[in-house]
PDB file of N, CA and C in Angstrom:
ATOM      1  N   UNK A   1     164.840 114.944 135.196  1.00  0.00           N
ATOM      2  CA  UNK A   1     164.110 115.020 136.464  1.00  0.00           C
ATOM      3  C   UNK A   1     164.537 113.865 137.365  1.00  0.00           C
ATOM      4  N   UNK A   2     164.869 114.138 138.633  1.00  0.00           N
ATOM      5  CA  UNK A   2     165.289 113.063 139.536  1.00  0.00           C
ATOM      6  C   UNK A   2     164.192 112.011 139.729  1.00  0.00           C
ATOM      7  N   UNK A   3     164.627 110.770 139.889  1.00  0.00           N
ATOM      8  CA  UNK A   3     163.710 109.633 140.003  1.00  0.00           C
ATOM      9  C   UNK A   3     163.355 109.385 141.466  1.00  0.00           C
ATOM     10  N   UNK A   4     162.048 109.360 141.780  1.00  0.00           N
ATOM     11  CA  UNK A   4     161.568 109.116 143.141  1.00  0.00           C
ATOM     12  C   UNK A   4     161.700 107.676 143.591  1.00  0.00           C
ATOM     13  N   UNK A   5     162.198 106.800 142.700  1.00  0.00           N
ATOM     14  CA  UNK A   5     162.394 105.399 143.080  1.00  0.00           C
ATOM     15  C   UNK A   5     163.808 105.137 143.577  1.00  0.00           C
ATOM     16  N   UNK A   6     164.668 106.153 143.506  1.00  0.00           N
ATOM     17  CA  UNK A   6     166.067 106.032 143.926  1.00  0.00           C
ATOM     18  C   UNK A   6     166.257 106.816 145.229  1.00  0.00           C
ATOM     19  N   UNK A   7     166.704 106.118 146.278  1.00  0.00           N
ATOM     20  CA  UNK A   7     166.796 106.721 147.615  1.00  0.00           C
ATOM     21  C   UNK A   7     167.751 107.910 147.661  1.00  0.00           C
ATOM     22  N   UNK A   8     168.857 107.848 146.941  1.00  0.00           N
ATOM     23  CA  UNK A   8     169.854 108.927 147.021  1.00  0.00           C
ATOM     24  C   UNK A   8     169.346 110.250 146.449  1.00  0.00           C
ATOM     25  N   UNK A   9     168.257 110.224 145.683  1.00  0.00           N
ATOM     26  CA  UNK A   9     167.684 111.463 145.132  1.00  0.00           C
ATOM     27  C   UNK A   9     166.828 112.210 146.149  1.00  0.00           C
ATOM     28  N   UNK A  10     166.553 111.584 147.289  1.00  0.00           N
ATOM     29  CA  UNK A  10     165.601 112.142 148.251  1.00  0.00           C
ATOM     30  C   UNK A  10     166.334 112.541 149.530  1.00  0.00           C
ATOM     31  N   UNK A  11     166.066 113.761 149.985  1.00  0.00           N
ATOM     32  CA  UNK A  11     166.665 114.279 151.208  1.00  0.00           C
ATOM     33  C   UNK A  11     165.585 114.972 152.028  1.00  0.00           C
ATOM     34  N   UNK A  12     165.819 115.072 153.318  1.00  0.00           N
ATOM     35  CA  UNK A  12     164.912 115.839 154.178  1.00  0.00           C
ATOM     36  C   UNK A  12     164.886 117.281 153.686  1.00  0.00           C
ATOM     37  N   UNK A  13     163.703 117.872 153.685  1.00  0.00           N
ATOM     38  CA  UNK A  13     163.566 119.279 153.323  1.00  0.00           C
ATOM     39  C   UNK A  13     163.192 119.548 151.878  1.00  0.00           C
ATOM     40  N   UNK A  14     163.241 118.507 151.007  1.00  0.00           N
ATOM     41  CA  UNK A  14     162.849 118.751 149.618  1.00  0.00           C
ATOM     42  C   UNK A  14     161.344 118.572 149.462  1.00  0.00           C
ATOM     43  N   UNK A  15     160.780 119.206 148.447  1.00  0.00           N
ATOM     44  CA  UNK A  15     159.346 119.101 148.162  1.00  0.00           C
ATOM     45  C   UNK A  15     159.115 117.966 147.170  1.00  0.00           C
ATOM     46  N   UNK A  16     158.161 117.092 147.516  1.00  0.00           N
ATOM     47  CA  UNK A  16     157.853 115.930 146.680  1.00  0.00           C
ATOM     48  C   UNK A  16     156.347 115.773 146.556  1.00  0.00           C
ATOM     49  N   UNK A  17     155.930 114.973 145.572  1.00  0.00           N
ATOM     50  CA  UNK A  17     154.542 114.529 145.480  1.00  0.00           C
ATOM     51  C   UNK A  17     154.540 113.045 145.786  1.00  0.00           C
ATOM     52  N   UNK A  18     153.703 112.650 146.751  1.00  0.00           N
ATOM     53  CA  UNK A  18     153.624 111.250 147.151  1.00  0.00           C
ATOM     54  C   UNK A  18     152.226 110.716 146.889  1.00  0.00           C
ATOM     55  N   UNK A  19     152.130 109.393 146.822  1.00  0.00           N
ATOM     56  CA  UNK A  19     150.821 108.759 146.775  1.00  0.00           C
ATOM     57  C   UNK A  19     150.624 108.074 148.128  1.00  0.00           C
ATOM     58  N   UNK A  20     149.536 108.435 148.810  1.00  0.00           N
ATOM     59  CA  UNK A  20     149.210 107.841 150.100  1.00  0.00           C
ATOM     60  C   UNK A  20     148.645 106.443 149.884  1.00  0.00           C
ATOM     61  N   UNK A  21     148.729 105.590 150.915  1.00  0.00           N
ATOM     62  CA  UNK A  21     148.241 104.211 150.813  1.00  0.00           C
ATOM     63  C   UNK A  21     146.790 104.179 150.329  1.00  0.00           C
ATOM     64  N   UNK A  22     145.938 105.032 150.903  1.00  0.00           N
ATOM     65  CA  UNK A  22     144.516 105.012 150.542  1.00  0.00           C
ATOM     66  C   UNK A  22     144.252 105.577 149.148  1.00  0.00           C
ATOM     67  N   UNK A  23     145.247 106.256 148.559  1.00  0.00           N
ATOM     68  CA  UNK A  23     145.080 106.844 147.231  1.00  0.00           C
ATOM     69  C   UNK A  23     145.754 106.025 146.131  1.00  0.00           C
ATOM     70  N   UNK A  24     146.282 104.834 146.466  1.00  0.00           N
ATOM     71  CA  UNK A  24     147.013 104.053 145.470  1.00  0.00           C
ATOM     72  C   UNK A  24     146.140 103.647 144.284  1.00  0.00           C
ATOM     73  N   UNK A  25     144.865 103.364 144.534  1.00  0.00           N
ATOM     74  CA  UNK A  25     143.967 102.971 143.432  1.00  0.00           C
ATOM     75  C   UNK A  25     143.706 104.120 142.468  1.00  0.00           C
ATOM     76  N   UNK A  26     143.520 105.324 143.020  1.00  0.00           N
ATOM     77  CA  UNK A  26     143.196 106.479 142.184  1.00  0.00           C
ATOM     78  C   UNK A  26     144.461 107.168 141.646  1.00  0.00           C
ATOM     79  N   UNK A  27     145.583 107.007 142.351  1.00  0.00           N
ATOM     80  CA  UNK A  27     146.823 107.673 141.941  1.00  0.00           C
ATOM     81  C   UNK A  27     146.877 109.137 142.334  1.00  0.00           C
ATOM     82  N   UNK A  28     145.955 109.573 143.216  1.00  0.00           N
ATOM     83  CA  UNK A  28     145.928 110.970 143.660  1.00  0.00           C
ATOM     84  C   UNK A  28     147.227 111.304 144.401  1.00  0.00           C
ATOM     85  N   UNK A  29     147.835 112.427 144.008  1.00  0.00           N
ATOM     86  CA  UNK A  29     149.110 112.826 144.604  1.00  0.00           C
ATOM     87  C   UNK A  29     148.903 113.856 145.707  1.00  0.00           C
ATOM     88  N   UNK A  30     149.745 113.777 146.718  1.00  0.00           N
ATOM     89  CA  UNK A  30     149.762 114.720 147.824  1.00  0.00           C
ATOM     90  C   UNK A  30     151.144 115.357 147.854  1.00  0.00           C
ATOM     91  N   UNK A  31     151.164 116.680 147.913  1.00  0.00           N
ATOM     92  CA  UNK A  31     152.440 117.398 147.861  1.00  0.00           C
ATOM     93  C   UNK A  31     152.861 117.797 149.271  1.00  0.00           C
ATOM     94  N   UNK A  32     154.157 117.710 149.547  1.00  0.00           N
ATOM     95  CA  UNK A  32     154.636 118.110 150.859  1.00  0.00           C
ATOM     96  C   UNK A  32     156.153 118.087 150.928  1.00  0.00           C
ATOM     97  N   UNK A  33     156.653 118.381 152.117  1.00  0.00           N
ATOM     98  CA  UNK A  33     158.091 118.449 152.356  1.00  0.00           C
ATOM     99  C   UNK A  33     158.518 117.222 153.151  1.00  0.00           C
ATOM    100  N   UNK A  34     159.602 116.582 152.695  1.00  0.00           N
ATOM    101  CA  UNK A  34     160.091 115.354 153.324  1.00  0.00           C
ATOM    102  C   UNK A  34     160.659 115.653 154.706  1.00  0.00           C
ATOM    103  N   UNK A  35     160.206 114.855 155.697  1.00  0.00           N
ATOM    104  CA  UNK A  35     160.782 114.912 157.043  1.00  0.00           C
ATOM    105  C   UNK A  35     161.717 113.727 157.249  1.00  0.00           C
ATOM    106  N   UNK A  36     161.219 112.508 156.997  1.00  0.00           N
ATOM    107  CA  UNK A  36     162.007 111.286 157.202  1.00  0.00           C
ATOM    108  C   UNK A  36     161.904 110.389 155.984  1.00  0.00           C
ATOM    109  N   UNK A  37     162.981 109.653 155.703  1.00  0.00           N
ATOM    110  CA  UNK A  37     162.975 108.624 154.658  1.00  0.00           C
ATOM    111  C   UNK A  37     162.785 107.285 155.364  1.00  0.00           C
ATOM    112  N   UNK A  38     161.738 106.541 154.979  1.00  0.00           N
ATOM    113  CA  UNK A  38     161.392 105.305 155.680  1.00  0.00           C
ATOM    114  C   UNK A  38     161.893 104.047 154.976  1.00  0.00           C
ATOM    115  N   UNK A  39     162.197 104.131 153.684  1.00  0.00           N
ATOM    116  CA  UNK A  39     162.710 102.977 152.935  1.00  0.00           C
ATOM    117  C   UNK A  39     164.218 102.870 153.181  1.00  0.00           C
ATOM    118  N   UNK A  40     164.662 101.674 153.561  1.00  0.00           N
ATOM    119  CA  UNK A  40     166.098 101.481 153.824  1.00  0.00           C
ATOM    120  C   UNK A  40     166.884 101.081 152.581  1.00  0.00           C
ATOM    121  N   UNK A  41     166.223 100.414 151.617  1.00  0.00           N
ATOM    122  CA  UNK A  41     166.946  99.942 150.436  1.00  0.00           C
ATOM    123  C   UNK A  41     167.283 101.114 149.503  1.00  0.00           C
ATOM    124  N   UNK A  42     168.249 100.886 148.610  1.00  0.00           N
ATOM    125  CA  UNK A  42     168.735 101.934 147.717  1.00  0.00           C
ATOM    126  C   UNK A  42     167.682 102.380 146.703  1.00  0.00           C
ATOM    127  N   UNK A  43     166.757 101.463 146.348  1.00  0.00           N
ATOM    128  CA  UNK A  43     165.687 101.808 145.408  1.00  0.00           C
ATOM    129  C   UNK A  43     164.459 100.963 145.701  1.00  0.00           C
ATOM    130  N   UNK A  44     163.324 101.401 145.160  1.00  0.00           N
ATOM    131  CA  UNK A  44     162.069 100.660 145.309  1.00  0.00           C
ATOM    132  C   UNK A  44     161.235 100.908 144.050  1.00  0.00           C
ATOM    133  N   UNK A  45     160.689  99.840 143.438  1.00  0.00           N
ATOM    134  CA  UNK A  45     159.964 100.007 142.167  1.00  0.00           C
ATOM    135  C   UNK A  45     158.716 100.881 142.252  1.00  0.00           C
ATOM    136  N   UNK A  46     158.112 101.012 143.443  1.00  0.00           N
ATOM    137  CA  UNK A  46     156.892 101.822 143.586  1.00  0.00           C
ATOM    138  C   UNK A  46     157.173 103.202 144.166  1.00  0.00           C
ATOM    139  N   UNK A  47     158.438 103.499 144.435  1.00  0.00           N
ATOM    140  CA  UNK A  47     158.796 104.797 145.010  1.00  0.00           C
ATOM    141  C   UNK A  47     159.299 104.638 146.436  1.00  0.00           C
ATOM    142  N   UNK A  48     160.185 105.516 146.830  1.00  0.00           N
ATOM    143  CA  UNK A  48     160.754 105.504 148.179  1.00  0.00           C
ATOM    144  C   UNK A  48     159.687 105.997 149.156  1.00  0.00           C
ATOM    145  N   UNK A  49     159.508 105.269 150.264  1.00  0.00           N
ATOM    146  CA  UNK A  49     158.505 105.652 151.265  1.00  0.00           C
ATOM    147  C   UNK A  49     159.083 106.737 152.170  1.00  0.00           C
ATOM    148  N   UNK A  50     158.319 107.818 152.343  1.00  0.00           N
ATOM    149  CA  UNK A  50     158.758 108.944 153.170  1.00  0.00           C
ATOM    150  C   UNK A  50     157.636 109.386 154.103  1.00  0.00           C
ATOM    151  N   UNK A  51     158.031 110.103 155.157  1.00  0.00           N
ATOM    152  CA  UNK A  51     157.075 110.789 156.031  1.00  0.00           C
ATOM    153  C   UNK A  51     157.243 112.272 155.777  1.00  0.00           C
ATOM    154  N   UNK A  52     156.132 112.959 155.534  1.00  0.00           N
ATOM    155  CA  UNK A  52     156.165 114.403 155.313  1.00  0.00           C
ATOM    156  C   UNK A  52     156.162 115.131 156.658  1.00  0.00           C
ATOM    157  N   UNK A  53     156.474 116.423 156.644  1.00  0.00           N
ATOM    158  CA  UNK A  53     156.507 117.205 157.888  1.00  0.00           C
ATOM    159  C   UNK A  53     155.139 117.241 158.570  1.00  0.00           C
ATOM    160  N   UNK A  54     154.057 117.073 157.800  1.00  0.00           N
ATOM    161  CA  UNK A  54     152.707 117.066 158.402  1.00  0.00           C
ATOM    162  C   UNK A  54     152.303 115.679 158.912  1.00  0.00           C
ATOM    163  N   UNK A  55     153.215 114.684 158.801  1.00  0.00           N
ATOM    164  CA  UNK A  55     152.958 113.358 159.351  1.00  0.00           C
ATOM    165  C   UNK A  55     152.427 112.332 158.368  1.00  0.00           C
ATOM    166  N   UNK A  56     152.039 112.754 157.172  1.00  0.00           N
ATOM    167  CA  UNK A  56     151.522 111.809 156.184  1.00  0.00           C
ATOM    168  C   UNK A  56     152.652 110.944 155.625  1.00  0.00           C
ATOM    169  N   UNK A  57     152.324 109.663 155.358  1.00  0.00           N
ATOM    170  CA  UNK A  57     153.318 108.708 154.856  1.00  0.00           C
ATOM    171  C   UNK A  57     152.871 108.199 153.497  1.00  0.00           C
ATOM    172  N   UNK A  58     153.807 108.157 152.547  1.00  0.00           N
ATOM    173  CA  UNK A  58     153.485 107.623 151.229  1.00  0.00           C
ATOM    174  C   UNK A  58     154.748 107.424 150.417  1.00  0.00           C
ATOM    175  N   UNK A  59     154.552 106.972 149.172  1.00  0.00           N
ATOM    176  CA  UNK A  59     155.685 106.705 148.289  1.00  0.00           C
ATOM    177  C   UNK A  59     155.867 107.856 147.301  1.00  0.00           C
ATOM    178  N   UNK A  60     157.126 108.265 147.126  1.00  0.00           N
ATOM    179  CA  UNK A  60     157.452 109.401 146.247  1.00  0.00           C
ATOM    180  C   UNK A  60     157.170 109.021 144.799  1.00  0.00           C
ATOM    181  N   UNK A  61     156.346 109.838 144.145  1.00  0.00           N
ATOM    182  CA  UNK A  61     156.058 109.677 142.728  1.00  0.00           C
ATOM    183  C   UNK A  61     156.802 110.710 141.895  1.00  0.00           C
ATOM    184  N   UNK A  62     157.018 111.873 142.499  1.00  0.00           N
ATOM    185  CA  UNK A  62     157.621 112.979 141.767  1.00  0.00           C
ATOM    186  C   UNK A  62     158.422 113.850 142.725  1.00  0.00           C
ATOM    187  N   UNK A  63     159.619 114.218 142.294  1.00  0.00           N
ATOM    188  CA  UNK A  63     160.425 115.163 143.058  1.00  0.00           C
ATOM    189  C   UNK A  63     160.220 116.528 142.422  1.00  0.00           C
ATOM    190  N   UNK A  64     159.699 117.465 143.209  1.00  0.00           N
ATOM    191  CA  UNK A  64     159.401 118.806 142.690  1.00  0.00           C
ATOM    192  C   UNK A  64     160.687 119.638 142.703  1.00  0.00           C
ATOM    193  N   UNK A  65     160.921 120.351 141.621  1.00  0.00           N
ATOM    194  CA  UNK A  65     162.138 121.182 141.524  1.00  0.00           C
ATOM    195  C   UNK A  65     161.848 122.591 141.985  1.00  0.00           C
TER     196      UNK A  65
END
């Protein structure tokens, strides 16, 4: 399964599960389609930050196949 902490695994248009800032304590995941990749570095230990097509921003926890 592709790792959501590696930027090259994430592209616009793929379906991912992200954790929103307000859900970090609970770990609740939100599913959506990637619009923009907001993290510039090649990897991030907490997940690559993305914006979904519906405007929500969070860190990728899981890449849905």
